[in-house]
Amino acid sequence: MLSLRRKEGISLHRVKENFSSKYYLEFEKMAAAEVKKGNLAIDGDIIKIPPELLFLSDGIIRDLIL
């Protein structure tokens, strides 16, 4: 999950492989909400924090895991 702090982001497939299906479904919902807010971007299978928002990464990641 901390890979989101890097400009490369994290593969949704990797999240699905490494976490329970219950967590993954919740993550998908929360990530979609963050995408709508502009806090996350999806590029194919990769989800990432836009470079201009990396300084907010702690808060964005916190919202995804709580």
N, C-alpha and C. Protein backbone atom coordinates (compact mmCIF):
# COMPACT_ATOMS: atom_id res chain seq x y z
N MET A 1 0.82 -1.19 0.00
CA MET A 1 0.00 0.00 0.00
C MET A 1 0.86 1.25 0.00
N LEU A 2 1.99 1.17 0.65
CA LEU A 2 2.87 2.33 0.69
C LEU A 2 3.48 2.64 -0.66
N SER A 3 3.34 1.73 -1.62
CA SER A 3 3.80 2.01 -2.98
C SER A 3 3.07 3.20 -3.57
N LEU A 4 1.93 3.54 -3.01
CA LEU A 4 1.21 4.72 -3.49
C LEU A 4 2.02 5.99 -3.27
N ARG A 5 2.95 5.96 -2.34
CA ARG A 5 3.80 7.13 -2.08
C ARG A 5 4.81 7.36 -3.20
N ARG A 6 5.00 6.37 -4.02
CA ARG A 6 5.95 6.49 -5.13
C ARG A 6 5.19 6.92 -6.38
N LYS A 7 5.88 7.61 -7.26
CA LYS A 7 5.20 8.11 -8.45
C LYS A 7 4.72 6.99 -9.36
N GLU A 8 5.29 5.78 -9.22
CA GLU A 8 4.87 4.65 -10.04
C GLU A 8 3.51 4.10 -9.62
N GLY A 9 3.13 4.29 -8.37
CA GLY A 9 1.85 3.79 -7.88
C GLY A 9 1.89 2.30 -7.57
N ILE A 10 0.70 1.70 -7.54
CA ILE A 10 0.59 0.28 -7.20
C ILE A 10 -0.41 -0.39 -8.15
N SER A 11 -0.13 -1.62 -8.47
CA SER A 11 -0.99 -2.40 -9.34
C SER A 11 -2.23 -2.85 -8.57
N LEU A 12 -3.40 -2.66 -9.16
CA LEU A 12 -4.63 -3.14 -8.53
C LEU A 12 -4.59 -4.66 -8.41
N HIS A 13 -3.98 -5.32 -9.38
CA HIS A 13 -3.83 -6.77 -9.33
C HIS A 13 -3.00 -7.18 -8.10
N ARG A 14 -1.96 -6.41 -7.82
CA ARG A 14 -1.12 -6.70 -6.65
C ARG A 14 -1.90 -6.53 -5.35
N VAL A 15 -2.72 -5.49 -5.28
CA VAL A 15 -3.56 -5.29 -4.09
C VAL A 15 -4.49 -6.48 -3.92
N LYS A 16 -5.10 -6.91 -5.02
CA LYS A 16 -6.04 -8.03 -4.97
C LYS A 16 -5.35 -9.32 -4.53
N GLU A 17 -4.11 -9.52 -4.98
CA GLU A 17 -3.37 -10.73 -4.61
C GLU A 17 -2.94 -10.74 -3.14
N ASN A 18 -2.64 -9.57 -2.59
CA ASN A 18 -2.03 -9.50 -1.26
C ASN A 18 -2.99 -9.22 -0.11
N PHE A 19 -4.24 -8.94 -0.43
CA PHE A 19 -5.21 -8.63 0.63
C PHE A 19 -6.45 -9.49 0.45
N SER A 20 -7.24 -9.59 1.49
CA SER A 20 -8.46 -10.39 1.42
C SER A 20 -9.44 -9.78 0.42
N SER A 21 -10.34 -10.61 -0.08
CA SER A 21 -11.32 -10.11 -1.05
C SER A 21 -12.22 -9.06 -0.41
N LYS A 22 -12.53 -9.21 0.87
CA LYS A 22 -13.35 -8.22 1.57
C LYS A 22 -12.64 -6.87 1.59
N TYR A 23 -11.35 -6.88 1.94
CA TYR A 23 -10.59 -5.62 1.96
C TYR A 23 -10.49 -5.04 0.55
N TYR A 24 -10.24 -5.89 -0.44
CA TYR A 24 -10.09 -5.39 -1.81
C TYR A 24 -11.36 -4.70 -2.29
N LEU A 25 -12.51 -5.28 -2.02
CA LEU A 25 -13.77 -4.66 -2.44
C LEU A 25 -13.97 -3.30 -1.76
N GLU A 26 -13.62 -3.22 -0.50
CA GLU A 26 -13.72 -1.95 0.22
C GLU A 26 -12.70 -0.94 -0.34
N PHE A 27 -11.51 -1.43 -0.63
CA PHE A 27 -10.47 -0.58 -1.21
C PHE A 27 -10.95 0.00 -2.55
N GLU A 28 -11.57 -0.85 -3.37
CA GLU A 28 -12.08 -0.38 -4.67
C GLU A 28 -13.08 0.76 -4.50
N LYS A 29 -13.99 0.61 -3.55
CA LYS A 29 -14.98 1.67 -3.31
C LYS A 29 -14.32 2.95 -2.85
N MET A 30 -13.40 2.82 -1.90
CA MET A 30 -12.74 4.01 -1.37
C MET A 30 -11.85 4.66 -2.42
N ALA A 31 -11.17 3.84 -3.21
CA ALA A 31 -10.31 4.38 -4.27
C ALA A 31 -11.15 5.12 -5.31
N ALA A 32 -12.31 4.58 -5.66
CA ALA A 32 -13.18 5.25 -6.63
C ALA A 32 -13.60 6.62 -6.12
N ALA A 33 -13.87 6.72 -4.83
CA ALA A 33 -14.24 8.01 -4.25
C ALA A 33 -13.07 8.99 -4.32
N GLU A 34 -11.86 8.50 -4.08
CA GLU A 34 -10.67 9.36 -4.15
C GLU A 34 -10.37 9.78 -5.59
N VAL A 35 -10.66 8.90 -6.54
CA VAL A 35 -10.49 9.25 -7.96
C VAL A 35 -11.44 10.39 -8.31
N LYS A 36 -12.69 10.28 -7.86
CA LYS A 36 -13.67 11.35 -8.13
C LYS A 36 -13.24 12.68 -7.55
N LYS A 37 -12.56 12.64 -6.39
CA LYS A 37 -12.07 13.87 -5.76
C LYS A 37 -10.81 14.40 -6.44
N GLY A 38 -10.19 13.57 -7.28
CA GLY A 38 -8.95 13.96 -7.93
C GLY A 38 -7.70 13.62 -7.14
N ASN A 39 -7.88 12.88 -6.04
CA ASN A 39 -6.73 12.51 -5.19
C ASN A 39 -5.98 11.29 -5.70
N LEU A 40 -6.61 10.50 -6.56
CA LEU A 40 -5.97 9.33 -7.15
C LEU A 40 -6.23 9.34 -8.64
N ALA A 41 -5.33 8.70 -9.37
CA ALA A 41 -5.49 8.53 -10.81
C ALA A 41 -5.32 7.05 -11.13
N ILE A 42 -6.07 6.58 -12.11
CA ILE A 42 -5.94 5.19 -12.55
C ILE A 42 -5.44 5.20 -13.99
N ASP A 43 -4.37 4.43 -14.21
CA ASP A 43 -3.78 4.30 -15.54
C ASP A 43 -3.68 2.81 -15.83
N GLY A 44 -4.69 2.27 -16.50
CA GLY A 44 -4.75 0.83 -16.72
C GLY A 44 -4.95 0.11 -15.41
N ASP A 45 -3.98 -0.71 -15.03
CA ASP A 45 -4.04 -1.48 -13.79
C ASP A 45 -3.37 -0.74 -12.62
N ILE A 46 -2.80 0.41 -12.90
CA ILE A 46 -2.03 1.14 -11.89
C ILE A 46 -2.85 2.27 -11.28
N ILE A 47 -2.84 2.31 -9.97
CA ILE A 47 -3.49 3.41 -9.26
C ILE A 47 -2.38 4.21 -8.58
N LYS A 48 -2.46 5.52 -8.70
CA LYS A 48 -1.39 6.34 -8.13
C LYS A 48 -1.91 7.70 -7.71
N ILE A 49 -1.12 8.33 -6.88
CA ILE A 49 -1.41 9.69 -6.45
C ILE A 49 -0.76 10.62 -7.47
N PRO A 50 -1.52 11.57 -8.01
CA PRO A 50 -0.92 12.50 -8.97
C PRO A 50 0.30 13.19 -8.37
N PRO A 51 1.35 13.41 -9.18
CA PRO A 51 2.59 14.00 -8.66
C PRO A 51 2.39 15.27 -7.86
N GLU A 52 1.47 16.11 -8.28
CA GLU A 52 1.27 17.38 -7.58
C GLU A 52 0.61 17.21 -6.21
N LEU A 53 0.13 15.99 -5.91
CA LEU A 53 -0.50 15.73 -4.61
C LEU A 53 0.31 14.79 -3.73
N LEU A 54 1.51 14.43 -4.15
CA LEU A 54 2.31 13.49 -3.36
C LEU A 54 2.56 14.00 -1.94
N PHE A 55 2.59 15.31 -1.76
CA PHE A 55 2.81 15.85 -0.41
C PHE A 55 1.61 15.56 0.50
N LEU A 56 0.49 15.17 -0.06
CA LEU A 56 -0.70 14.80 0.71
C LEU A 56 -0.86 13.29 0.85
N SER A 57 0.15 12.54 0.44
CA SER A 57 0.02 11.08 0.36
C SER A 57 -0.36 10.43 1.68
N ASP A 58 0.16 10.89 2.80
CA ASP A 58 -0.19 10.27 4.09
C ASP A 58 -1.69 10.31 4.33
N GLY A 59 -2.31 11.45 4.11
CA GLY A 59 -3.75 11.58 4.32
C GLY A 59 -4.56 10.76 3.35
N ILE A 60 -4.14 10.72 2.10
CA ILE A 60 -4.86 9.95 1.08
C ILE A 60 -4.78 8.46 1.41
N ILE A 61 -3.60 7.98 1.75
CA ILE A 61 -3.43 6.57 2.09
C ILE A 61 -4.22 6.24 3.36
N ARG A 62 -4.19 7.11 4.33
CA ARG A 62 -4.96 6.89 5.56
C ARG A 62 -6.44 6.70 5.23
N ASP A 63 -6.98 7.53 4.34
CA ASP A 63 -8.38 7.40 3.97
C ASP A 63 -8.68 6.07 3.29
N LEU A 64 -7.70 5.52 2.60
CA LEU A 64 -7.91 4.24 1.91
C LEU A 64 -7.86 3.05 2.85
N ILE A 65 -7.13 3.16 3.95
CA ILE A 65 -6.96 1.98 4.81
C ILE A 65 -7.80 2.02 6.08
N LEU A 66 -8.44 3.10 6.36
CA LEU A 66 -9.28 3.16 7.57
C LEU A 66 -10.71 2.87 7.28
